[in-house]
N, C-alpha and C. Protein backbone atom coordinates (compact mmCIF):
# COMPACT_ATOMS: atom_id res chain seq x y z
N MET A 1 -38.38 15.35 -17.68
CA MET A 1 -37.06 15.20 -18.24
C MET A 1 -37.21 14.98 -19.75
N ASP A 2 -36.52 15.81 -20.54
CA ASP A 2 -36.63 15.65 -21.98
C ASP A 2 -35.71 14.53 -22.47
N GLU A 3 -35.84 14.17 -23.72
CA GLU A 3 -35.10 13.03 -24.29
C GLU A 3 -33.59 13.24 -24.21
N ASP A 4 -33.10 14.45 -24.49
CA ASP A 4 -31.66 14.71 -24.43
C ASP A 4 -31.12 14.49 -23.02
N GLU A 5 -31.84 14.99 -22.02
CA GLU A 5 -31.40 14.82 -20.63
C GLU A 5 -31.43 13.34 -20.23
N LYS A 6 -32.44 12.63 -20.69
CA LYS A 6 -32.54 11.20 -20.40
C LYS A 6 -31.34 10.45 -20.98
N VAL A 7 -31.01 10.72 -22.23
CA VAL A 7 -29.88 10.06 -22.87
C VAL A 7 -28.58 10.42 -22.15
N MET A 8 -28.41 11.70 -21.79
CA MET A 8 -27.20 12.14 -21.08
C MET A 8 -27.04 11.36 -19.78
N ARG A 9 -28.11 11.23 -19.02
CA ARG A 9 -28.04 10.52 -17.74
C ARG A 9 -27.75 9.03 -17.95
N GLU A 10 -28.33 8.44 -18.96
CA GLU A 10 -28.07 7.03 -19.24
C GLU A 10 -26.60 6.81 -19.61
N VAL A 11 -26.06 7.68 -20.42
CA VAL A 11 -24.65 7.56 -20.81
C VAL A 11 -23.75 7.76 -19.59
N GLN A 12 -24.05 8.76 -18.76
CA GLN A 12 -23.26 8.98 -17.55
C GLN A 12 -23.29 7.75 -16.65
N GLU A 13 -24.43 7.16 -16.50
CA GLU A 13 -24.57 5.97 -15.65
C GLU A 13 -23.75 4.81 -16.21
N LYS A 14 -23.82 4.60 -17.51
CA LYS A 14 -23.06 3.52 -18.13
C LYS A 14 -21.55 3.74 -17.98
N MET A 15 -21.11 4.99 -18.14
CA MET A 15 -19.69 5.28 -17.99
C MET A 15 -19.24 5.08 -16.55
N PHE A 16 -20.05 5.53 -15.61
CA PHE A 16 -19.73 5.34 -14.20
C PHE A 16 -19.64 3.85 -13.87
N ASN A 17 -20.59 3.08 -14.34
CA ASN A 17 -20.58 1.64 -14.09
C ASN A 17 -19.38 0.96 -14.74
N LEU A 18 -18.95 1.45 -15.88
CA LEU A 18 -17.77 0.89 -16.53
C LEU A 18 -16.53 1.09 -15.66
N VAL A 19 -16.38 2.24 -15.07
CA VAL A 19 -15.25 2.49 -14.18
C VAL A 19 -15.34 1.56 -12.95
N LEU A 20 -16.55 1.36 -12.44
CA LEU A 20 -16.73 0.49 -11.28
C LEU A 20 -16.34 -0.96 -11.57
N GLU A 21 -16.36 -1.36 -12.82
CA GLU A 21 -15.98 -2.72 -13.18
C GLU A 21 -14.49 -2.98 -12.96
N TYR A 22 -13.70 -1.91 -12.84
CA TYR A 22 -12.25 -2.03 -12.69
C TYR A 22 -11.80 -1.30 -11.43
N PRO A 23 -12.22 -1.77 -10.25
CA PRO A 23 -11.93 -1.05 -9.01
C PRO A 23 -10.44 -0.91 -8.72
N ASP A 24 -9.63 -1.83 -9.19
CA ASP A 24 -8.19 -1.75 -8.95
C ASP A 24 -7.45 -0.97 -10.03
N HIS A 25 -8.19 -0.51 -11.03
CA HIS A 25 -7.56 0.19 -12.15
C HIS A 25 -8.42 1.38 -12.59
N ASN A 26 -8.96 2.10 -11.63
CA ASN A 26 -9.86 3.22 -11.95
C ASN A 26 -9.21 4.25 -12.87
N LEU A 27 -8.00 4.67 -12.55
CA LEU A 27 -7.36 5.71 -13.36
C LEU A 27 -7.05 5.22 -14.77
N GLN A 28 -6.65 3.97 -14.89
CA GLN A 28 -6.40 3.42 -16.23
C GLN A 28 -7.69 3.38 -17.04
N ALA A 29 -8.79 2.96 -16.40
CA ALA A 29 -10.08 2.90 -17.09
C ALA A 29 -10.52 4.31 -17.50
N LEU A 30 -10.38 5.27 -16.59
CA LEU A 30 -10.75 6.65 -16.93
C LEU A 30 -9.88 7.19 -18.06
N GLY A 31 -8.59 6.89 -18.00
CA GLY A 31 -7.68 7.35 -19.05
C GLY A 31 -8.05 6.78 -20.42
N MET A 32 -8.39 5.51 -20.46
CA MET A 32 -8.77 4.90 -21.73
C MET A 32 -10.09 5.47 -22.23
N MET A 33 -11.02 5.74 -21.30
CA MET A 33 -12.29 6.35 -21.70
C MET A 33 -12.04 7.74 -22.30
N LEU A 34 -11.18 8.52 -21.65
CA LEU A 34 -10.88 9.86 -22.16
C LEU A 34 -10.21 9.77 -23.53
N ARG A 35 -9.27 8.86 -23.66
CA ARG A 35 -8.58 8.70 -24.96
C ARG A 35 -9.58 8.31 -26.05
N THR A 36 -10.48 7.39 -25.74
CA THR A 36 -11.47 6.95 -26.71
C THR A 36 -12.42 8.08 -27.09
N VAL A 37 -12.83 8.86 -26.10
CA VAL A 37 -13.70 10.01 -26.37
C VAL A 37 -12.98 11.01 -27.27
N MET A 38 -11.71 11.27 -26.99
CA MET A 38 -10.95 12.21 -27.83
C MET A 38 -10.82 11.67 -29.25
N ASP A 39 -10.55 10.38 -29.39
CA ASP A 39 -10.46 9.78 -30.73
C ASP A 39 -11.77 9.96 -31.49
N CYS A 40 -12.88 9.77 -30.79
CA CYS A 40 -14.19 9.92 -31.43
C CYS A 40 -14.45 11.36 -31.84
N TYR A 41 -14.10 12.31 -30.97
CA TYR A 41 -14.26 13.72 -31.33
C TYR A 41 -13.41 14.09 -32.54
N VAL A 42 -12.16 13.66 -32.55
CA VAL A 42 -11.29 13.98 -33.69
C VAL A 42 -11.84 13.36 -34.96
N ALA A 43 -12.29 12.12 -34.88
CA ALA A 43 -12.84 11.46 -36.07
C ALA A 43 -14.11 12.15 -36.55
N SER A 44 -14.92 12.64 -35.63
CA SER A 44 -16.20 13.26 -36.01
C SER A 44 -16.07 14.73 -36.39
N LEU A 45 -15.23 15.47 -35.66
CA LEU A 45 -15.19 16.93 -35.82
C LEU A 45 -13.87 17.47 -36.36
N GLY A 46 -12.83 16.65 -36.33
CA GLY A 46 -11.51 17.11 -36.74
C GLY A 46 -10.72 17.62 -35.56
N GLN A 47 -9.42 17.77 -35.78
CA GLN A 47 -8.51 18.15 -34.71
C GLN A 47 -8.77 19.57 -34.20
N GLU A 48 -8.97 20.52 -35.09
CA GLU A 48 -9.15 21.91 -34.68
C GLU A 48 -10.39 22.08 -33.80
N SER A 49 -11.50 21.49 -34.18
CA SER A 49 -12.72 21.60 -33.37
C SER A 49 -12.57 20.88 -32.04
N THR A 50 -11.84 19.75 -32.05
CA THR A 50 -11.60 19.03 -30.81
C THR A 50 -10.75 19.87 -29.86
N GLU A 51 -9.77 20.56 -30.39
CA GLU A 51 -8.95 21.44 -29.56
C GLU A 51 -9.79 22.54 -28.92
N LYS A 52 -10.75 23.07 -29.65
CA LYS A 52 -11.65 24.10 -29.10
C LYS A 52 -12.49 23.52 -27.96
N ILE A 53 -12.97 22.29 -28.15
CA ILE A 53 -13.75 21.63 -27.10
C ILE A 53 -12.88 21.45 -25.85
N LEU A 54 -11.63 21.05 -26.04
CA LEU A 54 -10.73 20.87 -24.90
C LEU A 54 -10.45 22.19 -24.19
N ASP A 55 -10.33 23.27 -24.94
CA ASP A 55 -10.15 24.59 -24.33
C ASP A 55 -11.34 24.94 -23.43
N VAL A 56 -12.53 24.66 -23.92
CA VAL A 56 -13.75 24.91 -23.13
C VAL A 56 -13.75 24.01 -21.89
N ALA A 57 -13.32 22.77 -22.05
CA ALA A 57 -13.28 21.83 -20.92
C ALA A 57 -12.30 22.32 -19.85
N VAL A 58 -11.15 22.79 -20.27
CA VAL A 58 -10.16 23.30 -19.31
C VAL A 58 -10.73 24.49 -18.55
N ASP A 59 -11.36 25.42 -19.26
CA ASP A 59 -11.97 26.57 -18.60
C ASP A 59 -13.05 26.13 -17.62
N SER A 60 -13.81 25.12 -17.98
CA SER A 60 -14.87 24.61 -17.12
C SER A 60 -14.30 24.03 -15.83
N VAL A 61 -13.21 23.28 -15.94
CA VAL A 61 -12.57 22.72 -14.75
C VAL A 61 -12.01 23.83 -13.88
N LYS A 62 -11.33 24.78 -14.50
CA LYS A 62 -10.74 25.89 -13.75
C LYS A 62 -11.79 26.73 -13.03
N SER A 63 -12.98 26.80 -13.59
CA SER A 63 -14.03 27.61 -12.97
C SER A 63 -14.74 26.87 -11.83
N GLY A 64 -14.37 25.62 -11.60
CA GLY A 64 -14.94 24.86 -10.50
C GLY A 64 -16.27 24.20 -10.80
N ARG A 65 -16.60 24.01 -12.04
CA ARG A 65 -17.90 23.42 -12.41
C ARG A 65 -17.93 21.91 -12.28
N HIS A 66 -16.84 21.29 -11.89
CA HIS A 66 -16.78 19.84 -11.79
C HIS A 66 -16.34 19.46 -10.39
N THR A 67 -16.91 18.39 -9.88
CA THR A 67 -16.59 17.93 -8.54
C THR A 67 -16.73 16.43 -8.48
N PHE A 68 -16.10 15.83 -7.50
CA PHE A 68 -16.23 14.39 -7.32
C PHE A 68 -17.46 14.05 -6.50
N ILE A 69 -18.16 15.04 -5.98
CA ILE A 69 -19.38 14.81 -5.22
C ILE A 69 -20.56 14.97 -6.18
N LEU A 70 -21.24 13.85 -6.44
CA LEU A 70 -22.36 13.87 -7.38
C LEU A 70 -23.59 14.48 -6.71
N PRO A 71 -24.36 15.24 -7.46
CA PRO A 71 -25.62 15.75 -6.91
C PRO A 71 -26.53 14.59 -6.52
N GLU A 72 -27.43 14.81 -5.59
CA GLU A 72 -28.32 13.76 -5.08
C GLU A 72 -29.09 13.07 -6.20
N ILE A 73 -29.58 13.81 -7.15
CA ILE A 73 -30.38 13.22 -8.23
C ILE A 73 -29.55 12.24 -9.06
N ASP A 74 -28.27 12.55 -9.29
CA ASP A 74 -27.42 11.67 -10.06
C ASP A 74 -27.10 10.39 -9.27
N ARG A 75 -26.90 10.53 -7.97
CA ARG A 75 -26.61 9.35 -7.15
C ARG A 75 -27.77 8.36 -7.22
N LYS A 76 -28.97 8.87 -7.16
CA LYS A 76 -30.14 8.00 -7.22
C LYS A 76 -30.23 7.30 -8.57
N SER A 77 -29.84 7.99 -9.62
CA SER A 77 -29.96 7.39 -10.95
C SER A 77 -28.91 6.31 -11.20
N LEU A 78 -27.91 6.22 -10.34
CA LEU A 78 -26.85 5.23 -10.52
C LEU A 78 -27.22 3.89 -9.94
N HIS A 79 -28.32 3.80 -9.23
CA HIS A 79 -28.70 2.54 -8.57
C HIS A 79 -29.72 1.81 -9.39
């Protein structure tokens, strides 16, 4: 596993654990995380580039690349 993949997995695990901290407010926690991520993208890249990222994200969701079932390797990394 290269350094970029390691960092990606660590960030995913931390975000997942953050949502788990609020079991009665999962959607609110996810919503705030998304809002914060968007604020960071806009601050770093500007509105136009952020809109392009969102367009790619929408296409990715529509193509079925995202699921609520985590691959086995990711599940193991969450423990």
